[in-house]
Amino acid sequence: MAEGLIPQLFEKSRWRKDLNYYYPPAVFCSKNKYDASFLFIEDKYDVWEIDLTELKNKWFLDCNMLGYIYKDCFFMTFEKIKPEALKLVEKDADF
């Protein structure tokens, strides 16, 4: 994760393609690894913790989840997340 997390388009993500989310390039996160597990197309992912005290990013509720019951668990930013703010919590986590 030498470059940190860089905003990208949904089409370039590793999420399920049948969801058809449309948004400007963004970085998405959830409060815990299980919140977003239904979005993934693979069985294993690395789980990263973001140190928000290291960032000046503006965060928004994920606009794709506004109708979802746990909408306050999903967030997005349109800014890069620098590598110094990231900590690997779990490698190849099962989902």
PDB file of N, CA and C in Angstrom:
ATOM      1  N   MET A   1       0.851  -1.180   0.000  1.00  0.00           N
ATOM      2  CA  MET A   1       0.000   0.000   0.000  1.00  0.00           C
ATOM      3  C   MET A   1       0.897   1.244   0.000  1.00  0.00           C
ATOM      4  N   ALA A   2       1.927   1.194  -0.807  1.00  0.00           N
ATOM      5  CA  ALA A   2       2.927   2.262  -0.841  1.00  0.00           C
ATOM      6  C   ALA A   2       2.337   3.621  -1.212  1.00  0.00           C
ATOM      7  N   GLU A   3       1.304   3.620  -2.043  1.00  0.00           N
ATOM      8  CA  GLU A   3       0.694   4.881  -2.482  1.00  0.00           C
ATOM      9  C   GLU A   3      -0.516   5.275  -1.637  1.00  0.00           C
ATOM     10  N   GLY A   4      -0.891   4.449  -0.693  1.00  0.00           N
ATOM     11  CA  GLY A   4      -2.092   4.713   0.083  1.00  0.00           C
ATOM     12  C   GLY A   4      -3.320   4.231  -0.678  1.00  0.00           C
ATOM     13  N   LEU A   5      -4.466   4.746  -0.327  1.00  0.00           N
ATOM     14  CA  LEU A   5      -5.706   4.421  -1.047  1.00  0.00           C
ATOM     15  C   LEU A   5      -6.039   5.579  -1.970  1.00  0.00           C
ATOM     16  N   ILE A   6      -6.168   5.267  -3.237  1.00  0.00           N
ATOM     17  CA  ILE A   6      -6.402   6.291  -4.252  1.00  0.00           C
ATOM     18  C   ILE A   6      -7.838   6.163  -4.750  1.00  0.00           C
ATOM     19  N   PRO A   7      -8.581   7.265  -4.785  1.00  0.00           N
ATOM     20  CA  PRO A   7      -9.960   7.198  -5.290  1.00  0.00           C
ATOM     21  C   PRO A   7     -10.014   6.563  -6.676  1.00  0.00           C
ATOM     22  N   GLN A   8     -11.005   5.696  -6.868  1.00  0.00           N
ATOM     23  CA  GLN A   8     -11.171   5.048  -8.164  1.00  0.00           C
ATOM     24  C   GLN A   8     -12.649   4.923  -8.520  1.00  0.00           C
ATOM     25  N   LEU A   9     -12.882   4.670  -9.778  1.00  0.00           N
ATOM     26  CA  LEU A   9     -14.238   4.453 -10.266  1.00  0.00           C
ATOM     27  C   LEU A   9     -14.708   3.056  -9.893  1.00  0.00           C
ATOM     28  N   PHE A  10     -16.015   2.891  -9.756  1.00  0.00           N
ATOM     29  CA  PHE A  10     -16.595   1.591  -9.437  1.00  0.00           C
ATOM     30  C   PHE A  10     -16.174   0.535 -10.449  1.00  0.00           C
ATOM     31  N   GLU A  11     -16.127   0.906 -11.713  1.00  0.00           N
ATOM     32  CA  GLU A  11     -15.809  -0.036 -12.784  1.00  0.00           C
ATOM     33  C   GLU A  11     -14.426  -0.665 -12.604  1.00  0.00           C
ATOM     34  N   LYS A  12     -13.544   0.008 -11.889  1.00  0.00           N
ATOM     35  CA  LYS A  12     -12.191  -0.505 -11.677  1.00  0.00           C
ATOM     36  C   LYS A  12     -12.038  -1.185 -10.318  1.00  0.00           C
ATOM     37  N   SER A  13     -13.117  -1.286  -9.569  1.00  0.00           N
ATOM     38  CA  SER A  13     -13.062  -1.865  -8.230  1.00  0.00           C
ATOM     39  C   SER A  13     -13.151  -3.386  -8.297  1.00  0.00           C
ATOM     40  N   ARG A  14     -12.968  -4.014  -7.146  1.00  0.00           N
ATOM     41  CA  ARG A  14     -13.098  -5.463  -7.020  1.00  0.00           C
ATOM     42  C   ARG A  14     -14.413  -5.819  -6.345  1.00  0.00           C
ATOM     43  N   TRP A  15     -15.420  -4.967  -6.485  1.00  0.00           N
ATOM     44  CA  TRP A  15     -16.724  -5.221  -5.893  1.00  0.00           C
ATOM     45  C   TRP A  15     -17.630  -5.908  -6.904  1.00  0.00           C
ATOM     46  N   ARG A  16     -18.729  -6.420  -6.426  1.00  0.00           N
ATOM     47  CA  ARG A  16     -19.700  -7.086  -7.301  1.00  0.00           C
ATOM     48  C   ARG A  16     -20.135  -6.144  -8.418  1.00  0.00           C
ATOM     49  N   LYS A  17     -20.104  -6.630  -9.629  1.00  0.00           N
ATOM     50  CA  LYS A  17     -20.441  -5.791 -10.782  1.00  0.00           C
ATOM     51  C   LYS A  17     -21.948  -5.694 -11.029  1.00  0.00           C
ATOM     52  N   ASP A  18     -22.736  -6.552 -10.410  1.00  0.00           N
ATOM     53  CA  ASP A  18     -24.188  -6.509 -10.616  1.00  0.00           C
ATOM     54  C   ASP A  18     -24.852  -5.383  -9.835  1.00  0.00           C
ATOM     55  N   LEU A  19     -24.101  -4.685  -8.989  1.00  0.00           N
ATOM     56  CA  LEU A  19     -24.680  -3.614  -8.183  1.00  0.00           C
ATOM     57  C   LEU A  19     -24.814  -2.305  -8.958  1.00  0.00           C
ATOM     58  N   ASN A  20     -23.965  -2.103  -9.935  1.00  0.00           N
ATOM     59  CA  ASN A  20     -24.028  -0.924 -10.812  1.00  0.00           C
ATOM     60  C   ASN A  20     -24.067   0.407 -10.072  1.00  0.00           C
ATOM     61  N   TYR A  21     -23.129   0.620  -9.171  1.00  0.00           N
ATOM     62  CA  TYR A  21     -23.036   1.894  -8.480  1.00  0.00           C
ATOM     63  C   TYR A  21     -22.328   2.911  -9.372  1.00  0.00           C
ATOM     64  N   TYR A  22     -22.805   4.142  -9.342  1.00  0.00           N
ATOM     65  CA  TYR A  22     -22.195   5.202 -10.133  1.00  0.00           C
ATOM     66  C   TYR A  22     -21.803   6.333  -9.198  1.00  0.00           C
ATOM     67  N   TYR A  23     -20.563   6.769  -9.291  1.00  0.00           N
ATOM     68  CA  TYR A  23     -20.060   7.846  -8.456  1.00  0.00           C
ATOM     69  C   TYR A  23     -18.755   8.353  -9.040  1.00  0.00           C
ATOM     70  N   PRO A  24     -18.337   9.537  -8.649  1.00  0.00           N
ATOM     71  CA  PRO A  24     -17.009  10.022  -9.049  1.00  0.00           C
ATOM     72  C   PRO A  24     -15.950   9.149  -8.374  1.00  0.00           C
ATOM     73  N   PRO A  25     -14.710   9.194  -8.819  1.00  0.00           N
ATOM     74  CA  PRO A  25     -13.671   8.402  -8.156  1.00  0.00           C
ATOM     75  C   PRO A  25     -13.677   8.661  -6.646  1.00  0.00           C
ATOM     76  N   ALA A  26     -13.694   7.577  -5.872  1.00  0.00           N
ATOM     77  CA  ALA A  26     -13.828   7.694  -4.420  1.00  0.00           C
ATOM     78  C   ALA A  26     -13.130   6.532  -3.722  1.00  0.00           C
ATOM     79  N   VAL A  27     -12.940   6.692  -2.410  1.00  0.00           N
ATOM     80  CA  VAL A  27     -12.483   5.627  -1.519  1.00  0.00           C
ATOM     81  C   VAL A  27     -13.640   5.359  -0.564  1.00  0.00           C
ATOM     82  N   PHE A  28     -13.977   4.095  -0.404  1.00  0.00           N
ATOM     83  CA  PHE A  28     -15.082   3.703   0.469  1.00  0.00           C
ATOM     84  C   PHE A  28     -14.559   2.921   1.658  1.00  0.00           C
ATOM     85  N   CYS A  29     -15.247   3.037   2.780  1.00  0.00           N
ATOM     86  CA  CYS A  29     -14.878   2.253   3.959  1.00  0.00           C
ATOM     87  C   CYS A  29     -16.129   1.973   4.779  1.00  0.00           C
ATOM     88  N   SER A  30     -15.980   1.038   5.707  1.00  0.00           N
ATOM     89  CA  SER A  30     -17.077   0.717   6.623  1.00  0.00           C
ATOM     90  C   SER A  30     -16.532   0.671   8.040  1.00  0.00           C
ATOM     91  N   LYS A  31     -17.431   0.669   9.012  1.00  0.00           N
ATOM     92  CA  LYS A  31     -17.013   0.675  10.417  1.00  0.00           C
ATOM     93  C   LYS A  31     -16.315  -0.624  10.818  1.00  0.00           C
ATOM     94  N   ASN A  32     -16.702  -1.734  10.207  1.00  0.00           N
ATOM     95  CA  ASN A  32     -16.001  -2.993  10.469  1.00  0.00           C
ATOM     96  C   ASN A  32     -16.043  -3.854   9.220  1.00  0.00           C
ATOM     97  N   LYS A  33     -15.242  -4.887   9.194  1.00  0.00           N
ATOM     98  CA  LYS A  33     -15.082  -5.678   7.972  1.00  0.00           C
ATOM     99  C   LYS A  33     -16.347  -6.405   7.554  1.00  0.00           C
ATOM    100  N   TYR A  34     -17.247  -6.669   8.471  1.00  0.00           N
ATOM    101  CA  TYR A  34     -18.446  -7.423   8.128  1.00  0.00           C
ATOM    102  C   TYR A  34     -19.538  -6.556   7.515  1.00  0.00           C
ATOM    103  N   ASP A  35     -19.516  -5.263   7.773  1.00  0.00           N
ATOM    104  CA  ASP A  35     -20.542  -4.374   7.230  1.00  0.00           C
ATOM    105  C   ASP A  35     -20.632  -4.466   5.715  1.00  0.00           C
ATOM    106  N   ALA A  36     -19.490  -4.543   5.067  1.00  0.00           N
ATOM    107  CA  ALA A  36     -19.458  -4.460   3.608  1.00  0.00           C
ATOM    108  C   ALA A  36     -19.246  -5.803   2.928  1.00  0.00           C
ATOM    109  N   SER A  37     -19.258  -6.894   3.668  1.00  0.00           N
ATOM    110  CA  SER A  37     -18.923  -8.192   3.077  1.00  0.00           C
ATOM    111  C   SER A  37     -19.857  -8.597   1.933  1.00  0.00           C
ATOM    112  N   PHE A  38     -21.087  -8.129   1.939  1.00  0.00           N
ATOM    113  CA  PHE A  38     -22.026  -8.486   0.869  1.00  0.00           C
ATOM    114  C   PHE A  38     -21.659  -7.837  -0.468  1.00  0.00           C
ATOM    115  N   LEU A  39     -20.752  -6.889  -0.457  1.00  0.00           N
ATOM    116  CA  LEU A  39     -20.357  -6.185  -1.680  1.00  0.00           C
ATOM    117  C   LEU A  39     -19.227  -6.872  -2.437  1.00  0.00           C
ATOM    118  N   PHE A  40     -18.551  -7.794  -1.789  1.00  0.00           N
ATOM    119  CA  PHE A  40     -17.335  -8.347  -2.353  1.00  0.00           C
ATOM    120  C   PHE A  40     -17.592  -9.500  -3.312  1.00  0.00           C
ATOM    121  N   ILE A  41     -16.677  -9.656  -4.268  1.00  0.00           N
ATOM    122  CA  ILE A  41     -16.793 -10.753  -5.229  1.00  0.00           C
ATOM    123  C   ILE A  41     -15.786 -11.859  -4.937  1.00  0.00           C
ATOM    124  N   GLU A  42     -14.856 -11.604  -4.038  1.00  0.00           N
ATOM    125  CA  GLU A  42     -13.851 -12.598  -3.690  1.00  0.00           C
ATOM    126  C   GLU A  42     -14.050 -13.024  -2.233  1.00  0.00           C
ATOM    127  N   ASP A  43     -13.411 -14.108  -1.847  1.00  0.00           N
ATOM    128  CA  ASP A  43     -13.571 -14.626  -0.490  1.00  0.00           C
ATOM    129  C   ASP A  43     -12.602 -14.018   0.514  1.00  0.00           C
ATOM    130  N   LYS A  44     -11.495 -13.474   0.031  1.00  0.00           N
ATOM    131  CA  LYS A  44     -10.466 -12.962   0.932  1.00  0.00           C
ATOM    132  C   LYS A  44     -10.031 -11.559   0.526  1.00  0.00           C
ATOM    133  N   TYR A  45      -9.896 -10.717   1.517  1.00  0.00           N
ATOM    134  CA  TYR A  45      -9.429  -9.344   1.315  1.00  0.00           C
ATOM    135  C   TYR A  45      -8.540  -8.959   2.487  1.00  0.00           C
ATOM    136  N   ASP A  46      -7.669  -8.008   2.261  1.00  0.00           N
ATOM    137  CA  ASP A  46      -6.905  -7.431   3.357  1.00  0.00           C
ATOM    138  C   ASP A  46      -7.778  -6.390   4.053  1.00  0.00           C
ATOM    139  N   VAL A  47      -7.694  -6.327   5.369  1.00  0.00           N
ATOM    140  CA  VAL A  47      -8.465  -5.355   6.152  1.00  0.00           C
ATOM    141  C   VAL A  47      -7.502  -4.299   6.676  1.00  0.00           C
ATOM    142  N   TRP A  48      -7.814  -3.050   6.392  1.00  0.00           N
ATOM    143  CA  TRP A  48      -6.971  -1.929   6.789  1.00  0.00           C
ATOM    144  C   TRP A  48      -7.719  -1.027   7.754  1.00  0.00           C
ATOM    145  N   GLU A  49      -7.007  -0.517   8.722  1.00  0.00           N
ATOM    146  CA  GLU A  49      -7.556   0.476   9.645  1.00  0.00           C
ATOM    147  C   GLU A  49      -7.050   1.845   9.198  1.00  0.00           C
ATOM    148  N   ILE A  50      -7.934   2.826   9.220  1.00  0.00           N
ATOM    149  CA  ILE A  50      -7.571   4.192   8.824  1.00  0.00           C
ATOM    150  C   ILE A  50      -7.490   5.053  10.075  1.00  0.00           C
ATOM    151  N   ASP A  51      -6.337   5.649  10.289  1.00  0.00           N
ATOM    152  CA  ASP A  51      -6.145   6.562  11.417  1.00  0.00           C
ATOM    153  C   ASP A  51      -6.647   7.939  10.996  1.00  0.00           C
ATOM    154  N   LEU A  52      -7.844   8.277  11.417  1.00  0.00           N
ATOM    155  CA  LEU A  52      -8.465   9.538  11.000  1.00  0.00           C
ATOM    156  C   LEU A  52      -7.771  10.765  11.585  1.00  0.00           C
ATOM    157  N   THR A  53      -7.009  10.583  12.650  1.00  0.00           N
ATOM    158  CA  THR A  53      -6.282  11.726  13.218  1.00  0.00           C
ATOM    159  C   THR A  53      -5.153  12.173  12.300  1.00  0.00           C
ATOM    160  N   GLU A  54      -4.761  11.308  11.372  1.00  0.00           N
ATOM    161  CA  GLU A  54      -3.685  11.620  10.424  1.00  0.00           C
ATOM    162  C   GLU A  54      -4.200  12.293   9.151  1.00  0.00           C
ATOM    163  N   LEU A  55      -5.499  12.426   9.028  1.00  0.00           N
ATOM    164  CA  LEU A  55      -6.085  12.894   7.766  1.00  0.00           C
ATOM    165  C   LEU A  55      -6.871  14.186   7.939  1.00  0.00           C
ATOM    166  N   LYS A  56      -6.926  14.933   6.865  1.00  0.00           N
ATOM    167  CA  LYS A  56      -7.767  16.136   6.796  1.00  0.00           C
ATOM    168  C   LYS A  56      -8.915  15.914   5.797  1.00  0.00           C
ATOM    169  N   ASN A  57      -9.094  14.675   5.358  1.00  0.00           N
ATOM    170  CA  ASN A  57     -10.110  14.353   4.364  1.00  0.00           C
ATOM    171  C   ASN A  57     -11.508  14.746   4.834  1.00  0.00           C
ATOM    172  N   LYS A  58     -12.335  15.125   3.875  1.00  0.00           N
ATOM    173  CA  LYS A  58     -13.763  15.312   4.142  1.00  0.00           C
ATOM    174  C   LYS A  58     -14.426  13.961   3.905  1.00  0.00           C
ATOM    175  N   TRP A  59     -15.243  13.539   4.867  1.00  0.00           N
ATOM    176  CA  TRP A  59     -15.928  12.254   4.778  1.00  0.00           C
ATOM    177  C   TRP A  59     -17.431  12.475   4.625  1.00  0.00           C
ATOM    178  N   PHE A  60     -18.063  11.556   3.905  1.00  0.00           N
ATOM    179  CA  PHE A  60     -19.493  11.621   3.637  1.00  0.00           C
ATOM    180  C   PHE A  60     -20.096  10.245   3.891  1.00  0.00           C
ATOM    181  N   LEU A  61     -21.372  10.221   4.276  1.00  0.00           N
ATOM    182  CA  LEU A  61     -22.072   8.944   4.269  1.00  0.00           C
ATOM    183  C   LEU A  61     -22.083   8.444   2.834  1.00  0.00           C
ATOM    184  N   ASP A  62     -21.887   7.159   2.653  1.00  0.00           N
ATOM    185  CA  ASP A  62     -21.858   6.566   1.321  1.00  0.00           C
ATOM    186  C   ASP A  62     -23.218   6.759   0.655  1.00  0.00           C
ATOM    187  N   CYS A  63     -23.247   7.536  -0.396  1.00  0.00           N
ATOM    188  CA  CYS A  63     -24.509   7.863  -1.070  1.00  0.00           C
ATOM    189  C   CYS A  63     -25.176   6.633  -1.686  1.00  0.00           C
ATOM    190  N   ASN A  64     -24.432   5.559  -1.911  1.00  0.00           N
ATOM    191  CA  ASN A  64     -25.010   4.332  -2.453  1.00  0.00           C
ATOM    192  C   ASN A  64     -25.784   3.533  -1.406  1.00  0.00           C
ATOM    193  N   MET A  65     -25.597   3.858  -0.146  1.00  0.00           N
ATOM    194  CA  MET A  65     -26.190   3.077   0.933  1.00  0.00           C
ATOM    195  C   MET A  65     -27.312   3.815   1.664  1.00  0.00           C
ATOM    196  N   LEU A  66     -27.798   4.903   1.133  1.00  0.00           N
ATOM    197  CA  LEU A  66     -28.778   5.713   1.847  1.00  0.00           C
ATOM    198  C   LEU A  66     -30.062   4.962   2.183  1.00  0.00           C
ATOM    199  N   GLY A  67     -30.449   3.982   1.388  1.00  0.00           N
ATOM    200  CA  GLY A  67     -31.652   3.208   1.673  1.00  0.00           C
ATOM    201  C   GLY A  67     -31.383   1.955   2.488  1.00  0.00           C
ATOM    202  N   TYR A  68     -30.117   1.696   2.782  1.00  0.00           N
ATOM    203  CA  TYR A  68     -29.701   0.498   3.506  1.00  0.00           C
ATOM    204  C   TYR A  68     -29.891   0.719   5.004  1.00  0.00           C
ATOM    205  N   ILE A  69     -30.317  -0.301   5.723  1.00  0.00           N
ATOM    206  CA  ILE A  69     -30.633  -0.151   7.145  1.00  0.00           C
ATOM    207  C   ILE A  69     -29.420   0.281   7.971  1.00  0.00           C
ATOM    208  N   TYR A  70     -28.224  -0.117   7.564  1.00  0.00           N
ATOM    209  CA  TYR A  70     -27.013   0.245   8.308  1.00  0.00           C
ATOM    210  C   TYR A  70     -26.237   1.346   7.595  1.00  0.00           C
ATOM    211  N   LYS A  71     -26.941   2.289   7.034  1.00  0.00           N
ATOM    212  CA  LYS A  71     -26.315   3.328   6.216  1.00  0.00           C
ATOM    213  C   LYS A  71     -25.261   4.141   6.962  1.00  0.00           C
ATOM    214  N   ASP A  72     -25.367   4.242   8.276  1.00  0.00           N
ATOM    215  CA  ASP A  72     -24.384   5.022   9.034  1.00  0.00           C
ATOM    216  C   ASP A  72     -23.091   4.246   9.280  1.00  0.00           C
ATOM    217  N   CYS A  73     -22.956   3.075   8.668  1.00  0.00           N
ATOM    218  CA  CYS A  73     -21.734   2.278   8.786  1.00  0.00           C
ATOM    219  C   CYS A  73     -20.819   2.451   7.577  1.00  0.00           C
ATOM    220  N   PHE A  74     -21.297   3.112   6.532  1.00  0.00           N
ATOM    221  CA  PHE A  74     -20.551   3.210   5.279  1.00  0.00           C
ATOM    222  C   PHE A  74     -20.195   4.661   4.976  1.00  0.00           C
ATOM    223  N   PHE A  75     -18.928   4.877   4.636  1.00  0.00           N
ATOM    224  CA  PHE A  75     -18.430   6.229   4.404  1.00  0.00           C
ATOM    225  C   PHE A  75     -17.641   6.298   3.113  1.00  0.00           C
ATOM    226  N   MET A  76     -17.472   7.506   2.613  1.00  0.00           N
ATOM    227  CA  MET A  76     -16.704   7.704   1.388  1.00  0.00           C
ATOM    228  C   MET A  76     -15.969   9.035   1.446  1.00  0.00           C
ATOM    229  N   THR A  77     -14.861   9.088   0.730  1.00  0.00           N
ATOM    230  CA  THR A  77     -14.107  10.321   0.556  1.00  0.00           C
ATOM    231  C   THR A  77     -13.651  10.377  -0.892  1.00  0.00           C
ATOM    232  N   PHE A  78     -13.484  11.559  -1.392  1.00  0.00           N
ATOM    233  CA  PHE A  78     -13.017  11.733  -2.765  1.00  0.00           C
ATOM    234  C   PHE A  78     -11.536  12.099  -2.800  1.00  0.00           C
ATOM    235  N   GLU A  79     -10.911  11.993  -1.638  1.00  0.00           N
ATOM    236  CA  GLU A  79      -9.505  12.343  -1.506  1.00  0.00           C
ATOM    237  C   GLU A  79      -8.672  11.087  -1.226  1.00  0.00           C
ATOM    238  N   LYS A  80      -7.421  11.129  -1.593  1.00  0.00           N
ATOM    239  CA  LYS A  80      -6.490  10.038  -1.344  1.00  0.00           C
ATOM    240  C   LYS A  80      -6.298   9.849   0.163  1.00  0.00           C
ATOM    241  N   ILE A  81      -6.088   8.620   0.576  1.00  0.00           N
ATOM    242  CA  ILE A  81      -5.743   8.321   1.958  1.00  0.00           C
ATOM    243  C   ILE A  81      -4.264   7.962   1.972  1.00  0.00           C
ATOM    244  N   LYS A  82      -3.480   8.791   2.622  1.00  0.00           N
ATOM    245  CA  LYS A  82      -2.028   8.608   2.579  1.00  0.00           C
ATOM    246  C   LYS A  82      -1.613   7.342   3.326  1.00  0.00           C
ATOM    247  N   PRO A  83      -0.524   6.724   2.898  1.00  0.00           N
ATOM    248  CA  PRO A  83      -0.102   5.451   3.490  1.00  0.00           C
ATOM    249  C   PRO A  83       0.201   5.536   4.985  1.00  0.00           C
ATOM    250  N   GLU A  84       0.642   6.681   5.462  1.00  0.00           N
ATOM    251  CA  GLU A  84       0.952   6.835   6.890  1.00  0.00           C
ATOM    252  C   GLU A  84      -0.289   6.682   7.774  1.00  0.00           C
ATOM    253  N   ALA A  85      -1.458   6.836   7.200  1.00  0.00           N
ATOM    254  CA  ALA A  85      -2.707   6.731   7.961  1.00  0.00           C
ATOM    255  C   ALA A  85      -3.287   5.318   7.929  1.00  0.00           C
ATOM    256  N   LEU A  86      -2.613   4.389   7.251  1.00  0.00           N
ATOM    257  CA  LEU A  86      -3.131   3.033   7.088  1.00  0.00           C
ATOM    258  C   LEU A  86      -2.333   2.023   7.907  1.00  0.00           C
ATOM    259  N   LYS A  87      -3.070   1.087   8.501  1.00  0.00           N
ATOM    260  CA  LYS A  87      -2.441   0.007   9.264  1.00  0.00           C
ATOM    261  C   LYS A  87      -3.105  -1.301   8.851  1.00  0.00           C
ATOM    262  N   LEU A  88      -2.309  -2.267   8.431  1.00  0.00           N
ATOM    263  CA  LEU A  88      -2.842  -3.574   8.067  1.00  0.00           C
ATOM    264  C   LEU A  88      -3.284  -4.298   9.333  1.00  0.00           C
ATOM    265  N   VAL A  89      -4.571  -4.623   9.404  1.00  0.00           N
ATOM    266  CA  VAL A  89      -5.136  -5.273  10.576  1.00  0.00           C
ATOM    267  C   VAL A  89      -5.213  -6.781  10.374  1.00  0.00           C
ATOM    268  N   GLU A  90      -5.580  -7.184   9.152  1.00  0.00           N
ATOM    269  CA  GLU A  90      -5.745  -8.609   8.869  1.00  0.00           C
ATOM    270  C   GLU A  90      -5.452  -8.883   7.401  1.00  0.00           C
ATOM    271  N   LYS A  91      -4.538  -9.785   7.146  1.00  0.00           N
ATOM    272  CA  LYS A  91      -4.166 -10.167   5.782  1.00  0.00           C
ATOM    273  C   LYS A  91      -5.028 -11.335   5.338  1.00  0.00           C
ATOM    274  N   ASP A  92      -5.564 -11.261   4.126  1.00  0.00           N
ATOM    275  CA  ASP A  92      -6.401 -12.321   3.566  1.00  0.00           C
ATOM    276  C   ASP A  92      -7.546 -12.725   4.496  1.00  0.00           C
ATOM    277  N   ALA A  93      -8.264 -11.740   4.983  1.00  0.00           N
ATOM    278  CA  ALA A  93      -9.396 -11.989   5.882  1.00  0.00           C
ATOM    279  C   ALA A  93     -10.509 -12.724   5.131  1.00  0.00           C
ATOM    280  N   ASP A  94     -11.126 -13.684   5.781  1.00  0.00           N
ATOM    281  CA  ASP A  94     -12.257 -14.402   5.207  1.00  0.00           C
ATOM    282  C   ASP A  94     -13.518 -13.575   5.304  1.00  0.00           C
ATOM    283  N   PHE A  95     -14.320 -13.606   4.237  1.00  0.00           N
ATOM    284  CA  PHE A  95     -15.590 -12.890   4.228  1.00  0.00           C
ATOM    285  C   PHE A  95     -16.706 -13.840   3.906  1.00  0.00           C
TER     286      PHE A  95
END
